[in-house]
């Protein structure tokens, strides 16, 4: 009985040390990813060559999965209304990004 208590205490102590010592986000264990739905922002991207693109972005800055290359160019994904990746663009070529209301037509979508 005493050995069993000692083993359980050691196991509990190792578990507490492991969870407190690492940068593990324990809230992800409790909350499922299904509850967290990504929001997409409808935008019109105007490039330096005058080309326009009406599409959806996850956010207006660099995404966490975006790539920044040495020398400054960066690529970021753009999406359709359902969240499917449609392509990538380079922020170095972007003149400005205009927010669009969701009800505006999808002309120029691509």
C-alpha atoms as a PDB file:
ATOM      1  CA  UNK A   1       0.000   0.000   0.000  1.00  0.00           C
ATOM      2  CA  UNK A   2       2.824   2.397   0.901  1.00  0.00           C
ATOM      3  CA  UNK A   3       4.625   1.631  -2.379  1.00  0.00           C
ATOM      4  CA  UNK A   4       1.454   2.367  -4.326  1.00  0.00           C
ATOM      5  CA  UNK A   5       1.047   5.763  -2.624  1.00  0.00           C
ATOM      6  CA  UNK A   6       4.686   6.567  -3.317  1.00  0.00           C
ATOM      7  CA  UNK A   7       4.318   5.671  -7.008  1.00  0.00           C
ATOM      8  CA  UNK A   8       1.111   7.713  -7.357  1.00  0.00           C
ATOM      9  CA  UNK A   9       2.705  10.694  -5.613  1.00  0.00           C
ATOM     10  CA  UNK A  10       5.778  10.516  -7.855  1.00  0.00           C
ATOM     11  CA  UNK A  11       3.610  10.219 -10.951  1.00  0.00           C
ATOM     12  CA  UNK A  12       1.513  13.197  -9.874  1.00  0.00           C
ATOM     13  CA  UNK A  13       4.641  15.231  -9.140  1.00  0.00           C
ATOM     14  CA  UNK A  14       6.189  14.408 -12.549  1.00  0.00           C
ATOM     15  CA  UNK A  15       2.919  15.343 -14.292  1.00  0.00           C
ATOM     16  CA  UNK A  16       2.708  18.697 -12.497  1.00  0.00           C
ATOM     17  CA  UNK A  17       6.343  19.504 -13.300  1.00  0.00           C
ATOM     18  CA  UNK A  18       5.913  18.514 -16.952  1.00  0.00           C
ATOM     19  CA  UNK A  19       2.764  20.605 -17.437  1.00  0.00           C
ATOM     20  CA  UNK A  20       4.058  23.662 -15.634  1.00  0.00           C
ATOM     21  CA  UNK A  21       7.536  23.562 -17.158  1.00  0.00           C
ATOM     22  CA  UNK A  22       6.575  23.409 -20.812  1.00  0.00           C
ATOM     23  CA  UNK A  23       4.720  25.975 -22.881  1.00  0.00           C
ATOM     24  CA  UNK A  24       1.813  23.670 -23.574  1.00  0.00           C
ATOM     25  CA  UNK A  25      -1.524  25.391 -24.039  1.00  0.00           C
ATOM     26  CA  UNK A  26      -3.752  23.187 -21.892  1.00  0.00           C
ATOM     27  CA  UNK A  27      -6.888  25.080 -22.962  1.00  0.00           C
ATOM     28  CA  UNK A  28      -6.637  23.305 -26.327  1.00  0.00           C
ATOM     29  CA  UNK A  29      -7.167  20.009 -24.540  1.00  0.00           C
ATOM     30  CA  UNK A  30     -10.531  21.161 -23.212  1.00  0.00           C
ATOM     31  CA  UNK A  31     -11.889  23.198 -26.157  1.00  0.00           C
ATOM     32  CA  UNK A  32     -12.242  21.548 -29.531  1.00  0.00           C
ATOM     33  CA  UNK A  33     -11.094  23.197 -32.762  1.00  0.00           C
ATOM     34  CA  UNK A  34     -14.581  22.773 -34.222  1.00  0.00           C
ATOM     35  CA  UNK A  35     -15.873  25.546 -31.969  1.00  0.00           C
ATOM     36  CA  UNK A  36     -13.366  27.987 -33.437  1.00  0.00           C
ATOM     37  CA  UNK A  37     -14.491  28.959 -36.938  1.00  0.00           C
ATOM     38  CA  UNK A  38     -12.180  31.144 -38.980  1.00  0.00           C
ATOM     39  CA  UNK A  39     -13.559  34.467 -40.132  1.00  0.00           C
ATOM     40  CA  UNK A  40     -12.645  35.720 -43.579  1.00  0.00           C
ATOM     41  CA  UNK A  41     -12.536  39.374 -44.569  1.00  0.00           C
ATOM     42  CA  UNK A  42     -13.801  40.307 -48.033  1.00  0.00           C
ATOM     43  CA  UNK A  43     -11.339  42.720 -49.655  1.00  0.00           C
ATOM     44  CA  UNK A  44     -10.278  44.281 -52.913  1.00  0.00           C
ATOM     45  CA  UNK A  45      -6.505  44.157 -53.368  1.00  0.00           C
ATOM     46  CA  UNK A  46      -5.063  46.758 -55.739  1.00  0.00           C
ATOM     47  CA  UNK A  47      -1.568  45.986 -56.982  1.00  0.00           C
ATOM     48  CA  UNK A  48       1.131  48.431 -58.105  1.00  0.00           C
ATOM     49  CA  UNK A  49       0.511  47.548 -61.781  1.00  0.00           C
ATOM     50  CA  UNK A  50      -3.175  48.585 -61.469  1.00  0.00           C
ATOM     51  CA  UNK A  51      -4.533  45.027 -61.354  1.00  0.00           C
ATOM     52  CA  UNK A  52      -7.437  44.472 -58.909  1.00  0.00           C
ATOM     53  CA  UNK A  53      -8.438  41.307 -57.102  1.00  0.00           C
ATOM     54  CA  UNK A  54     -11.636  40.806 -55.089  1.00  0.00           C
ATOM     55  CA  UNK A  55     -11.076  37.969 -52.652  1.00  0.00           C
ATOM     56  CA  UNK A  56     -11.084  36.948 -48.984  1.00  0.00           C
ATOM     57  CA  UNK A  57      -8.240  37.166 -46.456  1.00  0.00           C
ATOM     58  CA  UNK A  58      -7.899  35.655 -42.983  1.00  0.00           C
ATOM     59  CA  UNK A  59      -6.395  38.879 -41.674  1.00  0.00           C
ATOM     60  CA  UNK A  60      -5.001  42.121 -43.032  1.00  0.00           C
ATOM     61  CA  UNK A  61      -1.443  41.535 -41.826  1.00  0.00           C
ATOM     62  CA  UNK A  62       0.910  38.645 -42.432  1.00  0.00           C
ATOM     63  CA  UNK A  63      -0.683  35.328 -41.544  1.00  0.00           C
ATOM     64  CA  UNK A  64       1.007  32.894 -39.206  1.00  0.00           C
ATOM     65  CA  UNK A  65       1.594  30.509 -42.125  1.00  0.00           C
ATOM     66  CA  UNK A  66       2.849  33.242 -44.508  1.00  0.00           C
ATOM     67  CA  UNK A  67       6.434  33.232 -45.741  1.00  0.00           C
ATOM     68  CA  UNK A  68       8.768  36.195 -45.583  1.00  0.00           C
ATOM     69  CA  UNK A  69      11.856  35.892 -47.738  1.00  0.00           C
ATOM     70  CA  UNK A  70      15.254  37.552 -47.321  1.00  0.00           C
ATOM     71  CA  UNK A  71      15.164  40.933 -49.041  1.00  0.00           C
ATOM     72  CA  UNK A  72      11.593  41.772 -48.121  1.00  0.00           C
ATOM     73  CA  UNK A  73       9.157  39.984 -50.451  1.00  0.00           C
ATOM     74  CA  UNK A  74       6.446  38.001 -48.714  1.00  0.00           C
ATOM     75  CA  UNK A  75       3.707  35.709 -49.895  1.00  0.00           C
ATOM     76  CA  UNK A  76       0.275  35.409 -48.370  1.00  0.00           C
ATOM     77  CA  UNK A  77      -2.689  33.236 -49.334  1.00  0.00           C
ATOM     78  CA  UNK A  78      -6.068  34.471 -50.522  1.00  0.00           C
ATOM     79  CA  UNK A  79      -9.292  32.468 -50.302  1.00  0.00           C
ATOM     80  CA  UNK A  80     -12.737  32.041 -51.799  1.00  0.00           C
ATOM     81  CA  UNK A  81     -15.896  32.587 -49.716  1.00  0.00           C
ATOM     82  CA  UNK A  82     -15.787  29.000 -48.389  1.00  0.00           C
ATOM     83  CA  UNK A  83     -12.183  29.271 -47.162  1.00  0.00           C
ATOM     84  CA  UNK A  84     -10.497  27.325 -49.958  1.00  0.00           C
ATOM     85  CA  UNK A  85      -7.052  28.610 -50.937  1.00  0.00           C
ATOM     86  CA  UNK A  86      -7.274  30.223 -54.378  1.00  0.00           C
ATOM     87  CA  UNK A  87      -3.693  31.448 -54.707  1.00  0.00           C
ATOM     88  CA  UNK A  88      -0.984  33.608 -53.186  1.00  0.00           C
ATOM     89  CA  UNK A  89       0.065  37.227 -53.542  1.00  0.00           C
ATOM     90  CA  UNK A  90       3.161  39.227 -52.690  1.00  0.00           C
ATOM     91  CA  UNK A  91       2.728  42.146 -50.267  1.00  0.00           C
ATOM     92  CA  UNK A  92       5.616  43.931 -51.989  1.00  0.00           C
ATOM     93  CA  UNK A  93       3.348  44.445 -55.049  1.00  0.00           C
ATOM     94  CA  UNK A  94       0.263  45.593 -53.067  1.00  0.00           C
ATOM     95  CA  UNK A  95      -0.626  49.276 -53.415  1.00  0.00           C
ATOM     96  CA  UNK A  96      -3.576  49.118 -50.990  1.00  0.00           C
ATOM     97  CA  UNK A  97      -6.281  46.800 -49.656  1.00  0.00           C
ATOM     98  CA  UNK A  98      -9.879  48.017 -49.435  1.00  0.00           C
ATOM     99  CA  UNK A  99     -12.428  46.336 -47.152  1.00  0.00           C
ATOM    100  CA  UNK A 100     -15.647  45.351 -48.923  1.00  0.00           C
ATOM    101  CA  UNK A 101     -19.083  44.692 -47.458  1.00  0.00           C
ATOM    102  CA  UNK A 102     -20.082  41.037 -47.682  1.00  0.00           C
ATOM    103  CA  UNK A 103     -23.082  41.816 -49.950  1.00  0.00           C
ATOM    104  CA  UNK A 104     -20.975  43.448 -52.721  1.00  0.00           C
ATOM    105  CA  UNK A 105     -20.797  41.451 -55.969  1.00  0.00           C
ATOM    106  CA  UNK A 106     -17.876  39.110 -56.623  1.00  0.00           C
ATOM    107  CA  UNK A 107     -16.838  40.754 -59.907  1.00  0.00           C
ATOM    108  CA  UNK A 108     -13.118  40.321 -60.439  1.00  0.00           C
ATOM    109  CA  UNK A 109     -13.008  37.290 -58.146  1.00  0.00           C
ATOM    110  CA  UNK A 110     -10.130  35.055 -59.011  1.00  0.00           C
END
